[in-house]
Amino acid sequence: MGKVGLTKMDEKGRIVIPKGIREKLKIKPGEEFLVTELDGDTLIVKRFNVKKMLEDLIEKAKEADPKKLQKETTEEGNRVAREKYGEVFD
């Protein structure tokens, strides 16, 4: 298990990430986080870097083959249609 710290929310709804955790994760002011509720008692806080996410998507898009993607999409659509409405295709 990683570092553990105890914190609390202030009157404005802010929660401070303990210094030891900020240092270990190299968290800097201004970084964004995704906060998700889980099971009514748990908050998940995940570092969220929009710029990095977009850069990764652009790189993956450069490698994509549009014709292959169209073929795979058509095949999957036909498979789902046959599964759901088989009597029309038979």
C-alpha atoms as a PDB file:
ATOM      1  CA  MET A   1       0.000   0.000   0.000  1.00  0.00           C
ATOM      2  CA  GLY A   2       1.189   3.535  -0.732  1.00  0.00           C
ATOM      3  CA  LYS A   3       1.324   6.504   1.590  1.00  0.00           C
ATOM      4  CA  VAL A   4      -1.736   7.205   3.731  1.00  0.00           C
ATOM      5  CA  GLY A   5      -2.811  10.572   5.088  1.00  0.00           C
ATOM      6  CA  LEU A   6      -5.749  11.883   7.063  1.00  0.00           C
ATOM      7  CA  THR A   7      -7.501  15.004   5.840  1.00  0.00           C
ATOM      8  CA  LYS A   8     -10.851  16.733   6.136  1.00  0.00           C
ATOM      9  CA  MET A   9     -13.077  18.978   4.082  1.00  0.00           C
ATOM     10  CA  ASP A  10     -13.263  22.671   4.956  1.00  0.00           C
ATOM     11  CA  GLU A  11     -16.366  24.880   4.964  1.00  0.00           C
ATOM     12  CA  LYS A  12     -15.893  25.650   1.247  1.00  0.00           C
ATOM     13  CA  GLY A  13     -15.798  21.961   0.285  1.00  0.00           C
ATOM     14  CA  ARG A  14     -12.037  21.812  -0.248  1.00  0.00           C
ATOM     15  CA  ILE A  15     -10.002  18.763   0.669  1.00  0.00           C
ATOM     16  CA  VAL A  16      -6.247  19.073   1.116  1.00  0.00           C
ATOM     17  CA  ILE A  17      -4.096  16.245  -0.200  1.00  0.00           C
ATOM     18  CA  PRO A  18      -1.530  15.533   2.537  1.00  0.00           C
ATOM     19  CA  LYS A  19       1.971  16.870   1.808  1.00  0.00           C
ATOM     20  CA  GLY A  20       3.657  13.459   1.853  1.00  0.00           C
ATOM     21  CA  ILE A  21       1.304  12.175  -0.841  1.00  0.00           C
ATOM     22  CA  ARG A  22       1.655  15.348  -2.937  1.00  0.00           C
ATOM     23  CA  GLU A  23       5.433  15.024  -2.777  1.00  0.00           C
ATOM     24  CA  LYS A  24       5.465  11.317  -3.596  1.00  0.00           C
ATOM     25  CA  LEU A  25       3.136  11.800  -6.593  1.00  0.00           C
ATOM     26  CA  LYS A  26       4.798  15.088  -7.609  1.00  0.00           C
ATOM     27  CA  ILE A  27       1.426  16.867  -7.642  1.00  0.00           C
ATOM     28  CA  LYS A  28       1.706  20.528  -8.549  1.00  0.00           C
ATOM     29  CA  PRO A  29      -0.772  23.403  -8.027  1.00  0.00           C
ATOM     30  CA  GLY A  30      -3.268  23.705 -10.855  1.00  0.00           C
ATOM     31  CA  GLU A  31      -3.355  19.987 -11.729  1.00  0.00           C
ATOM     32  CA  GLU A  32      -6.818  18.597 -12.420  1.00  0.00           C
ATOM     33  CA  PHE A  33      -8.427  15.573 -10.816  1.00  0.00           C
ATOM     34  CA  LEU A  34     -11.386  13.384 -11.618  1.00  0.00           C
ATOM     35  CA  VAL A  35     -13.505  12.688  -8.514  1.00  0.00           C
ATOM     36  CA  THR A  36     -15.853   9.707  -8.586  1.00  0.00           C
ATOM     37  CA  GLU A  37     -18.248   8.406  -5.943  1.00  0.00           C
ATOM     38  CA  LEU A  38     -18.143   4.673  -5.327  1.00  0.00           C
ATOM     39  CA  ASP A  39     -20.605   2.691  -3.187  1.00  0.00           C
ATOM     40  CA  GLY A  40     -21.916   5.650  -1.196  1.00  0.00           C
ATOM     41  CA  ASP A  41     -18.881   5.948   1.127  1.00  0.00           C
ATOM     42  CA  THR A  42     -15.830   6.071  -1.103  1.00  0.00           C
ATOM     43  CA  LEU A  43     -14.369   8.834  -3.239  1.00  0.00           C
ATOM     44  CA  ILE A  44     -11.912   7.991  -5.964  1.00  0.00           C
ATOM     45  CA  VAL A  45      -9.565  10.864  -6.857  1.00  0.00           C
ATOM     46  CA  LYS A  46      -7.599  10.359 -10.058  1.00  0.00           C
ATOM     47  CA  ARG A  47      -5.141  12.750 -11.640  1.00  0.00           C
ATOM     48  CA  PHE A  48      -6.611  13.921 -14.934  1.00  0.00           C
ATOM     49  CA  ASN A  49      -4.407  15.439 -17.626  1.00  0.00           C
ATOM     50  CA  VAL A  50      -6.609  16.566 -20.526  1.00  0.00           C
ATOM     51  CA  LYS A  51      -3.640  17.645 -22.656  1.00  0.00           C
ATOM     52  CA  LYS A  52      -1.939  14.242 -22.308  1.00  0.00           C
ATOM     53  CA  MET A  53      -5.209  12.433 -23.021  1.00  0.00           C
ATOM     54  CA  LEU A  54      -5.728  14.433 -26.237  1.00  0.00           C
ATOM     55  CA  GLU A  55      -2.113  13.938 -27.313  1.00  0.00           C
ATOM     56  CA  ASP A  56      -2.507  10.161 -26.834  1.00  0.00           C
ATOM     57  CA  LEU A  57      -5.767  10.144 -28.830  1.00  0.00           C
ATOM     58  CA  ILE A  58      -4.134  12.062 -31.693  1.00  0.00           C
ATOM     59  CA  GLU A  59      -1.234   9.597 -31.802  1.00  0.00           C
ATOM     60  CA  LYS A  60      -3.606   6.621 -31.846  1.00  0.00           C
ATOM     61  CA  ALA A  61      -5.708   8.263 -34.572  1.00  0.00           C
ATOM     62  CA  LYS A  62      -2.602   8.608 -36.766  1.00  0.00           C
ATOM     63  CA  GLU A  63      -2.173   4.829 -36.659  1.00  0.00           C
ATOM     64  CA  ALA A  64      -5.823   4.064 -37.452  1.00  0.00           C
ATOM     65  CA  ASP A  65      -6.757   2.578 -40.833  1.00  0.00           C
ATOM     66  CA  PRO A  66     -10.121   4.136 -41.792  1.00  0.00           C
ATOM     67  CA  LYS A  67     -10.995   1.388 -44.304  1.00  0.00           C
ATOM     68  CA  LYS A  68     -10.255  -1.352 -41.793  1.00  0.00           C
ATOM     69  CA  LEU A  69     -12.240   0.514 -39.127  1.00  0.00           C
ATOM     70  CA  GLN A  70     -15.208   0.920 -41.505  1.00  0.00           C
ATOM     71  CA  LYS A  71     -15.088  -2.783 -42.411  1.00  0.00           C
ATOM     72  CA  GLU A  72     -14.943  -3.857 -38.747  1.00  0.00           C
ATOM     73  CA  THR A  73     -17.784  -1.475 -37.823  1.00  0.00           C
ATOM     74  CA  THR A  74     -19.962  -2.779 -40.662  1.00  0.00           C
ATOM     75  CA  GLU A  75     -19.257  -6.408 -39.743  1.00  0.00           C
ATOM     76  CA  GLU A  76     -20.056  -5.788 -36.073  1.00  0.00           C
ATOM     77  CA  GLY A  77     -23.254  -3.894 -36.967  1.00  0.00           C
ATOM     78  CA  ASN A  78     -24.358  -6.772 -39.201  1.00  0.00           C
ATOM     79  CA  ARG A  79     -23.552  -9.317 -36.490  1.00  0.00           C
ATOM     80  CA  VAL A  80     -25.616  -7.415 -33.913  1.00  0.00           C
ATOM     81  CA  ALA A  81     -28.493  -6.963 -36.383  1.00  0.00           C
ATOM     82  CA  ARG A  82     -28.493 -10.694 -37.231  1.00  0.00           C
ATOM     83  CA  GLU A  83     -28.439 -11.547 -33.531  1.00  0.00           C
ATOM     84  CA  LYS A  84     -31.310  -9.210 -32.718  1.00  0.00           C
ATOM     85  CA  TYR A  85     -33.363  -9.450 -35.922  1.00  0.00           C
ATOM     86  CA  GLY A  86     -32.210 -12.790 -37.337  1.00  0.00           C
ATOM     87  CA  GLU A  87     -35.523 -13.612 -38.979  1.00  0.00           C
ATOM     88  CA  VAL A  88     -35.181 -10.588 -41.305  1.00  0.00           C
ATOM     89  CA  PHE A  89     -31.688 -11.676 -42.440  1.00  0.00           C
ATOM     90  CA  ASP A  90     -32.454 -15.385 -42.938  1.00  0.00           C
END
